[in-house]
C-alpha atoms as a PDB file:
ATOM      1  CA  MET A   1      -0.469   3.010  -6.908  1.00  0.00           C
ATOM      2  CA  LYS A   2      -4.051   4.387  -7.030  1.00  0.00           C
ATOM      3  CA  VAL A   3      -6.701   2.900  -4.721  1.00  0.00           C
ATOM      4  CA  LEU A   4     -10.297   4.075  -4.284  1.00  0.00           C
ATOM      5  CA  VAL A   5     -11.462   4.186  -0.778  1.00  0.00           C
ATOM      6  CA  ALA A   6     -15.824   4.236  -1.125  1.00  0.00           C
ATOM      7  CA  GLU A   7     -17.110   4.472   2.653  1.00  0.00           C
ATOM      8  CA  ASP A   8     -19.953   7.180   4.285  1.00  0.00           C
ATOM      9  CA  ASP A   9     -18.411   7.198   7.633  1.00  0.00           C
ATOM     10  CA  SER A  10     -16.039  10.381   7.322  1.00  0.00           C
ATOM     11  CA  LEU A  11     -13.836   9.171   9.986  1.00  0.00           C
ATOM     12  CA  ILE A  12     -13.439   5.708   8.841  1.00  0.00           C
ATOM     13  CA  ARG A  13     -12.651   7.080   5.315  1.00  0.00           C
ATOM     14  CA  GLN A  14     -10.292   9.630   6.577  1.00  0.00           C
ATOM     15  CA  GLY A  15      -8.570   6.472   8.654  1.00  0.00           C
ATOM     16  CA  LEU A  16      -8.444   4.375   5.718  1.00  0.00           C
ATOM     17  CA  LYS A  17      -6.846   7.390   3.684  1.00  0.00           C
ATOM     18  CA  GLU A  18      -4.342   8.203   6.189  1.00  0.00           C
ATOM     19  CA  LEU A  19      -3.337   4.389   6.401  1.00  0.00           C
ATOM     20  CA  LEU A  20      -2.912   4.029   2.706  1.00  0.00           C
ATOM     21  CA  GLN A  21      -1.077   7.327   2.160  1.00  0.00           C
ATOM     22  CA  GLY A  22       1.391   6.202   4.967  1.00  0.00           C
ATOM     23  CA  ASP A  23       1.996   3.180   3.099  1.00  0.00           C
ATOM     24  CA  GLY A  24       2.573   4.823   0.103  1.00  0.00           C
ATOM     25  CA  TYR A  25      -0.499   4.796  -1.919  1.00  0.00           C
ATOM     26  CA  GLN A  26      -2.136   7.320  -4.061  1.00  0.00           C
ATOM     27  CA  VAL A  27      -5.880   7.464  -2.426  1.00  0.00           C
ATOM     28  CA  VAL A  28      -9.138   8.909  -4.176  1.00  0.00           C
ATOM     29  CA  GLU A  29     -12.153   8.980  -2.150  1.00  0.00           C
ATOM     30  CA  ALA A  30     -15.872   8.536  -2.572  1.00  0.00           C
ATOM     31  CA  ARG A  31     -18.576   9.179   0.012  1.00  0.00           C
ATOM     32  CA  ASP A  32     -21.481   6.919  -1.558  1.00  0.00           C
ATOM     33  CA  GLY A  33     -21.966   4.301  -4.308  1.00  0.00           C
ATOM     34  CA  ALA A  34     -22.854   6.365  -6.747  1.00  0.00           C
ATOM     35  CA  GLU A  35     -19.789   8.400  -6.635  1.00  0.00           C
ATOM     36  CA  ALA A  36     -17.776   5.054  -6.053  1.00  0.00           C
ATOM     37  CA  LEU A  37     -18.978   4.092  -9.709  1.00  0.00           C
ATOM     38  CA  GLU A  38     -18.266   7.751 -10.687  1.00  0.00           C
ATOM     39  CA  ARG A  39     -14.687   7.658  -9.317  1.00  0.00           C
ATOM     40  CA  PHE A  40     -14.010   4.200 -10.763  1.00  0.00           C
ATOM     41  CA  ARG A  41     -14.906   5.577 -14.120  1.00  0.00           C
ATOM     42  CA  ASP A  42     -12.909   8.463 -13.844  1.00  0.00           C
ATOM     43  CA  PHE A  43      -9.936   7.286 -12.172  1.00  0.00           C
ATOM     44  CA  ARG A  44      -9.434   3.480 -12.973  1.00  0.00           C
ATOM     45  CA  PRO A  45      -8.126   2.415  -9.761  1.00  0.00           C
ATOM     46  CA  ASP A  46      -5.603  -0.428  -9.118  1.00  0.00           C
ATOM     47  CA  PHE A  47      -7.543  -1.802  -6.474  1.00  0.00           C
ATOM     48  CA  ILE A  48     -11.120  -0.765  -4.569  1.00  0.00           C
ATOM     49  CA  CYS A  49     -11.944  -0.570  -0.684  1.00  0.00           C
ATOM     50  CA  LEU A  50     -15.855  -0.703  -0.669  1.00  0.00           C
ATOM     51  CA  ASP A  51     -18.002  -0.650   1.910  1.00  0.00           C
ATOM     52  CA  VAL A  52     -21.170  -2.332   1.582  1.00  0.00           C
ATOM     53  CA  MET A  53     -23.833   0.046   3.438  1.00  0.00           C
ATOM     54  CA  MET A  54     -23.586   2.979   1.409  1.00  0.00           C
ATOM     55  CA  PRO A  55     -26.344   5.545   0.419  1.00  0.00           C
ATOM     56  CA  HIS A  56     -27.600   5.752  -2.853  1.00  0.00           C
ATOM     57  CA  MET A  57     -26.130   2.508  -4.251  1.00  0.00           C
ATOM     58  CA  SER A  58     -24.608  -0.348  -1.970  1.00  0.00           C
ATOM     59  CA  GLY A  59     -21.196  -1.843  -2.334  1.00  0.00           C
ATOM     60  CA  TYR A  60     -22.750  -4.789  -3.660  1.00  0.00           C
ATOM     61  CA  ASP A  61     -24.474  -2.915  -6.435  1.00  0.00           C
ATOM     62  CA  VAL A  62     -21.219  -1.170  -7.154  1.00  0.00           C
ATOM     63  CA  CYS A  63     -19.282  -4.526  -7.198  1.00  0.00           C
ATOM     64  CA  ARG A  64     -21.651  -6.028  -9.556  1.00  0.00           C
ATOM     65  CA  GLN A  65     -21.908  -3.048 -12.002  1.00  0.00           C
ATOM     66  CA  ILE A  66     -17.915  -2.571 -11.847  1.00  0.00           C
ATOM     67  CA  ARG A  67     -17.832  -6.609 -12.703  1.00  0.00           C
ATOM     68  CA  GLN A  68     -20.271  -6.111 -15.707  1.00  0.00           C
ATOM     69  CA  GLU A  69     -17.954  -3.554 -17.005  1.00  0.00           C
ATOM     70  CA  ASN A  70     -15.555  -6.208 -17.661  1.00  0.00           C
ATOM     71  CA  SER A  71     -13.201  -4.831 -14.711  1.00  0.00           C
ATOM     72  CA  ASP A  72     -10.951  -7.426 -13.086  1.00  0.00           C
ATOM     73  CA  VAL A  73      -9.927  -4.584 -10.539  1.00  0.00           C
ATOM     74  CA  PRO A  74      -9.576  -6.322  -7.228  1.00  0.00           C
ATOM     75  CA  ILE A  75     -12.139  -4.991  -4.372  1.00  0.00           C
ATOM     76  CA  ILE A  76     -11.798  -5.337  -0.874  1.00  0.00           C
ATOM     77  CA  PHE A  77     -15.426  -5.089   1.135  1.00  0.00           C
ATOM     78  CA  ILE A  78     -15.727  -3.192   4.505  1.00  0.00           C
ATOM     79  CA  THR A  79     -18.274  -4.299   6.134  1.00  0.00           C
ATOM     80  CA  ALA A  80     -20.123  -4.561   9.742  1.00  0.00           C
ATOM     81  CA  LYS A  81     -21.763  -7.933   8.682  1.00  0.00           C
ATOM     82  CA  SER A  82     -20.007 -10.900   9.897  1.00  0.00           C
ATOM     83  CA  GLU A  83     -22.741 -13.435   8.868  1.00  0.00           C
ATOM     84  CA  GLU A  84     -21.508 -16.061   6.499  1.00  0.00           C
ATOM     85  CA  ILE A  85     -24.330 -15.470   4.194  1.00  0.00           C
ATOM     86  CA  ASP A  86     -23.415 -11.849   3.537  1.00  0.00           C
ATOM     87  CA  LYS A  87     -19.429 -12.985   2.346  1.00  0.00           C
ATOM     88  CA  VAL A  88     -20.500 -15.511   0.505  1.00  0.00           C
ATOM     89  CA  LEU A  89     -22.890 -12.900  -1.350  1.00  0.00           C
ATOM     90  CA  GLY A  90     -19.798 -10.518  -1.884  1.00  0.00           C
ATOM     91  CA  LEU A  91     -17.195 -13.420  -2.976  1.00  0.00           C
ATOM     92  CA  GLU A  92     -19.771 -14.302  -5.373  1.00  0.00           C
ATOM     93  CA  LEU A  93     -20.382 -11.010  -6.947  1.00  0.00           C
ATOM     94  CA  GLY A  94     -16.669 -10.914  -7.250  1.00  0.00           C
ATOM     95  CA  ALA A  95     -14.816  -9.506  -4.453  1.00  0.00           C
ATOM     96  CA  ASP A  96     -11.300 -10.404  -3.466  1.00  0.00           C
ATOM     97  CA  ASP A  97     -11.661 -10.142   0.424  1.00  0.00           C
ATOM     98  CA  PHE A  98     -13.415  -8.563   3.376  1.00  0.00           C
ATOM     99  CA  ILE A  99     -12.412  -6.465   6.122  1.00  0.00           C
ATOM    100  CA  THR A 100     -15.150  -6.516   9.419  1.00  0.00           C
ATOM    101  CA  LYS A 101     -15.984  -3.336  11.259  1.00  0.00           C
ATOM    102  CA  PRO A 102     -14.596  -2.652  13.633  1.00  0.00           C
ATOM    103  CA  PHE A 103     -10.873  -3.518  12.236  1.00  0.00           C
ATOM    104  CA  GLY A 104      -7.198  -3.483  13.333  1.00  0.00           C
ATOM    105  CA  VAL A 105      -4.379  -1.292  11.557  1.00  0.00           C
ATOM    106  CA  ARG A 106      -2.363  -4.296  11.332  1.00  0.00           C
ATOM    107  CA  GLU A 107      -5.154  -6.569   9.655  1.00  0.00           C
ATOM    108  CA  VAL A 108      -5.986  -3.933   7.104  1.00  0.00           C
ATOM    109  CA  GLN A 109      -2.296  -3.520   6.273  1.00  0.00           C
ATOM    110  CA  ALA A 110      -1.888  -7.224   5.949  1.00  0.00           C
ATOM    111  CA  ARG A 111      -5.035  -7.466   3.680  1.00  0.00           C
ATOM    112  CA  ILE A 112      -4.436  -4.648   1.482  1.00  0.00           C
ATOM    113  CA  ARG A 113      -0.597  -5.813   0.961  1.00  0.00           C
ATOM    114  CA  ALA A 114      -1.844  -9.163  -0.592  1.00  0.00           C
ATOM    115  CA  VAL A 115      -4.378  -7.460  -2.723  1.00  0.00           C
ATOM    116  CA  SER A 116      -1.129  -5.228  -3.903  1.00  0.00           C
ATOM    117  CA  ARG A 117       0.930  -8.043  -4.626  1.00  0.00           C
ATOM    118  CA  ARG A 118      -1.691  -9.561  -6.726  1.00  0.00           C
ATOM    119  CA  CYS A 119      -2.033  -6.257  -8.370  1.00  0.00           C
ATOM    120  CA  LEU A 120       1.762  -6.167  -9.444  1.00  0.00           C
ATOM    121  CA  LYS A 121       1.694  -9.655 -10.760  1.00  0.00           C
ATOM    122  CA  ARG A 122      -0.786  -8.821 -12.964  1.00  0.00           C
ATOM    123  CA  GLN A 123       1.436  -6.139 -14.488  1.00  0.00           C
ATOM    124  CA  LYS A 124       3.932  -6.573 -17.164  1.00  0.00           C
ATOM    125  CA  SER A 125       7.090  -7.389 -15.997  1.00  0.00           C
ATOM    126  CA  THR A 126       9.628  -4.452 -16.070  1.00  0.00           C
ATOM    127  CA  PRO A 127      13.249  -3.976 -15.386  1.00  0.00           C
ATOM    128  CA  ASP A 128      12.362  -2.129 -11.910  1.00  0.00           C
ATOM    129  CA  GLN A 129      10.342  -5.202 -10.785  1.00  0.00           C
ATOM    130  CA  ALA A 130      13.404  -7.728 -10.952  1.00  0.00           C
ATOM    131  CA  PRO A 131      14.499  -8.984  -7.429  1.00  0.00           C
ATOM    132  CA  PHE A 132      17.526  -7.025  -6.168  1.00  0.00           C
ATOM    133  CA  GLU A 133      19.938  -7.767  -3.459  1.00  0.00           C
ATOM    134  CA  MET A 134      21.133  -5.060  -0.530  1.00  0.00           C
ATOM    135  CA  ALA A 135      23.725  -6.503   1.606  1.00  0.00           C
ATOM    136  CA  ASP A 136      22.222 -10.133   3.000  1.00  0.00           C
ATOM    137  CA  LEU A 137      18.761  -8.978   2.088  1.00  0.00           C
ATOM    138  CA  VAL A 138      16.849  -9.916  -1.442  1.00  0.00           C
ATOM    139  CA  ILE A 139      14.319  -7.470  -2.624  1.00  0.00           C
ATOM    140  CA  HIS A 140      11.141  -8.906  -4.455  1.00  0.00           C
ATOM    141  CA  PRO A 141       9.279  -5.976  -5.727  1.00  0.00           C
ATOM    142  CA  LEU A 142       6.437  -8.226  -7.405  1.00  0.00           C
ATOM    143  CA  GLU A 143       5.512  -9.496  -3.888  1.00  0.00           C
ATOM    144  CA  LEU A 144       6.247  -6.536  -1.715  1.00  0.00           C
ATOM    145  CA  ARG A 145       8.715  -8.855   0.422  1.00  0.00           C
ATOM    146  CA  ALA A 146      12.192  -9.042   1.412  1.00  0.00           C
ATOM    147  CA  ARG A 147      13.986 -12.208   1.979  1.00  0.00           C
ATOM    148  CA  ARG A 148      17.130 -13.433   4.567  1.00  0.00           C
ATOM    149  CA  GLY A 149      17.614 -16.806   4.441  1.00  0.00           C
ATOM    150  CA  ASP A 150      14.379 -18.343   5.725  1.00  0.00           C
ATOM    151  CA  GLU A 151      13.183 -15.438   6.924  1.00  0.00           C
ATOM    152  CA  THR A 152      10.178 -13.296   5.003  1.00  0.00           C
ATOM    153  CA  ILE A 153       9.825  -9.988   5.638  1.00  0.00           C
ATOM    154  CA  ASP A 154       6.435  -7.847   4.302  1.00  0.00           C
ATOM    155  CA  LEU A 155       7.125  -4.117   2.591  1.00  0.00           C
ATOM    156  CA  SER A 156       4.859  -1.554   1.864  1.00  0.00           C
ATOM    157  CA  LEU A 157       4.915   0.429  -1.157  1.00  0.00           C
ATOM    158  CA  ARG A 158       6.812   3.174   0.680  1.00  0.00           C
ATOM    159  CA  GLU A 159       9.338   0.895   2.380  1.00  0.00           C
ATOM    160  CA  LEU A 160       9.960  -0.531  -1.289  1.00  0.00           C
ATOM    161  CA  SER A 161      10.487   2.828  -2.862  1.00  0.00           C
ATOM    162  CA  ILE A 162      12.899   3.705  -0.184  1.00  0.00           C
ATOM    163  CA  LEU A 163      15.040   1.052  -0.551  1.00  0.00           C
ATOM    164  CA  ARG A 164      15.019   1.294  -4.436  1.00  0.00           C
ATOM    165  CA  LEU A 165      16.089   4.626  -3.943  1.00  0.00           C
ATOM    166  CA  LEU A 166      19.126   4.111  -1.754  1.00  0.00           C
ATOM    167  CA  TYR A 167      19.991   0.712  -4.110  1.00  0.00           C
ATOM    168  CA  SER A 168      19.741   2.736  -7.355  1.00  0.00           C
ATOM    169  CA  ARG A 169      22.405   5.298  -5.469  1.00  0.00           C
ATOM    170  CA  VAL A 170      24.721   2.941  -4.114  1.00  0.00           C
ATOM    171  CA  GLY A 171      27.877   4.461  -2.487  1.00  0.00           C
ATOM    172  CA  GLN A 172      25.913   8.022  -2.839  1.00  0.00           C
ATOM    173  CA  VAL A 173      24.238  10.246  -0.301  1.00  0.00           C
ATOM    174  CA  VAL A 174      20.590  10.396  -0.703  1.00  0.00           C
ATOM    175  CA  ASP A 175      19.422  13.781   0.622  1.00  0.00           C
ATOM    176  CA  ARG A 176      16.280  14.145   2.672  1.00  0.00           C
ATOM    177  CA  GLN A 177      14.695  16.287   0.436  1.00  0.00           C
ATOM    178  CA  LEU A 178      15.419  14.205  -2.448  1.00  0.00           C
ATOM    179  CA  MET A 179      13.855  10.890  -0.600  1.00  0.00           C
ATOM    180  CA  THR A 180      10.693  12.996   0.312  1.00  0.00           C
ATOM    181  CA  ASP A 181      10.144  13.691  -3.185  1.00  0.00           C
ATOM    182  CA  GLU A 182      10.566  10.159  -4.337  1.00  0.00           C
ATOM    183  CA  CYS A 183       8.713   8.539  -1.840  1.00  0.00           C
ATOM    184  CA  TRP A 184       6.254  10.668  -0.298  1.00  0.00           C
ATOM    185  CA  GLY A 185       5.835  12.871  -3.183  1.00  0.00           C
ATOM    186  CA  HIS A 186       6.499  16.577  -4.514  1.00  0.00           C
ATOM    187  CA  ASP A 187       3.293  18.017  -2.789  1.00  0.00           C
ATOM    188  CA  TYR A 188       4.456  16.383   0.872  1.00  0.00           C
ATOM    189  CA  LEU A 189       5.187  18.593   3.404  1.00  0.00           C
ATOM    190  CA  PRO A 190       7.148  16.460   5.839  1.00  0.00           C
ATOM    191  CA  ASN A 191       6.868  16.630   9.557  1.00  0.00           C
ATOM    192  CA  SER A 192      10.604  17.318  10.683  1.00  0.00           C
ATOM    193  CA  ARG A 193      10.817  13.856  12.289  1.00  0.00           C
ATOM    194  CA  HIS A 194       8.591  11.855  10.264  1.00  0.00           C
ATOM    195  CA  LEU A 195      11.079  10.568   7.807  1.00  0.00           C
ATOM    196  CA  ASP A 196      13.471   9.940  10.722  1.00  0.00           C
ATOM    197  CA  GLN A 197      10.734   7.576  12.392  1.00  0.00           C
ATOM    198  CA  GLN A 198      10.072   5.720   8.725  1.00  0.00           C
ATOM    199  CA  ILE A 199      13.442   4.881   8.380  1.00  0.00           C
ATOM    200  CA  SER A 200      14.252   3.842  12.247  1.00  0.00           C
ATOM    201  CA  GLN A 201      10.816   1.661  11.692  1.00  0.00           C
ATOM    202  CA  LEU A 202      12.350   0.165   8.503  1.00  0.00           C
ATOM    203  CA  ARG A 203      15.628  -0.344  10.086  1.00  0.00           C
ATOM    204  CA  LYS A 204      14.153  -2.510  12.969  1.00  0.00           C
ATOM    205  CA  ARG A 205      12.518  -4.571  10.390  1.00  0.00           C
ATOM    206  CA  ILE A 206      15.528  -5.471   7.505  1.00  0.00           C
ATOM    207  CA  GLU A 207      18.637  -4.766   9.534  1.00  0.00           C
ATOM    208  CA  LEU A 208      20.450  -7.516  11.664  1.00  0.00           C
ATOM    209  CA  ASP A 209      21.501  -4.549  14.330  1.00  0.00           C
ATOM    210  CA  SER A 210      19.200  -1.594  13.834  1.00  0.00           C
ATOM    211  CA  LYS A 211      22.173   0.003  15.772  1.00  0.00           C
ATOM    212  CA  SER A 212      24.867  -0.726  13.737  1.00  0.00           C
ATOM    213  CA  PRO A 213      23.007  -0.945   9.989  1.00  0.00           C
ATOM    214  CA  ARG A 214      24.368  -2.345   6.754  1.00  0.00           C
ATOM    215  CA  ILE A 215      21.472  -1.276   4.348  1.00  0.00           C
ATOM    216  CA  ILE A 216      20.108   2.196   5.396  1.00  0.00           C
ATOM    217  CA  ARG A 217      23.003   4.094   6.944  1.00  0.00           C
ATOM    218  CA  THR A 218      22.664   7.643   8.431  1.00  0.00           C
ATOM    219  CA  VAL A 219      25.040  10.354   7.441  1.00  0.00           C
ATOM    220  CA  HIS A 220      24.298  13.359   9.728  1.00  0.00           C
ATOM    221  CA  GLY A 221      23.415  16.422   8.427  1.00  0.00           C
ATOM    222  CA  ALA A 222      23.177  14.980   4.972  1.00  0.00           C
ATOM    223  CA  GLY A 223      20.746  12.067   4.443  1.00  0.00           C
ATOM    224  CA  TYR A 224      21.311   8.511   3.991  1.00  0.00           C
ATOM    225  CA  ARG A 225      23.228   6.117   1.668  1.00  0.00           C
ATOM    226  CA  TYR A 226      23.630   2.444   0.917  1.00  0.00           C
ATOM    227  CA  GLU A 227      27.434   1.625   0.771  1.00  0.00           C
ATOM    228  CA  GLY A 228      26.448  -1.848  -1.378  1.00  0.00           C
END
């Protein structure tokens, strides 16, 4: 899924980029409003994170122009303005949500995942979007969620891709290089511990006992496996 991040503050823009890439999104950047509109037209992102106050063209003006071009692409405004009137204006222009600066990582992840679910639900249904079961866990790709009984677990795009890869090769060892290529991309140069950390965090959230996992098992010296 491709995301346009339009933000004139380089530190915030880089932070959002790293956060989104960490969750499995492809990120296109823009440093001002005019560039944001150009990037939108060139790359047709699945959704947009749009700063309100930017040089050359405000986020409000960018949003207005995008909506005039008959695009229903989801837009999340990033703003330092917390007044109700500012949010009302953004919503009237067609924004889907707001993130107010300063923001926390968990809030951003939650809001972006909510928008991602709406994006996925707008897409035509395909076989790889059907729910699938791994042990006692049911994964719902269109919702970016997994369920175990009454428990609901939110998933990132990358976590979903890891589970889908293991499920598609049930009973087989998925080596580290294949998982990196499939879930991070061929251009990714992994830190030696990054994949292990991602798997460890995912286990803690989806396994009943992360020390005796049923879904993601480590095959030492080889990779990971889902037994089925």
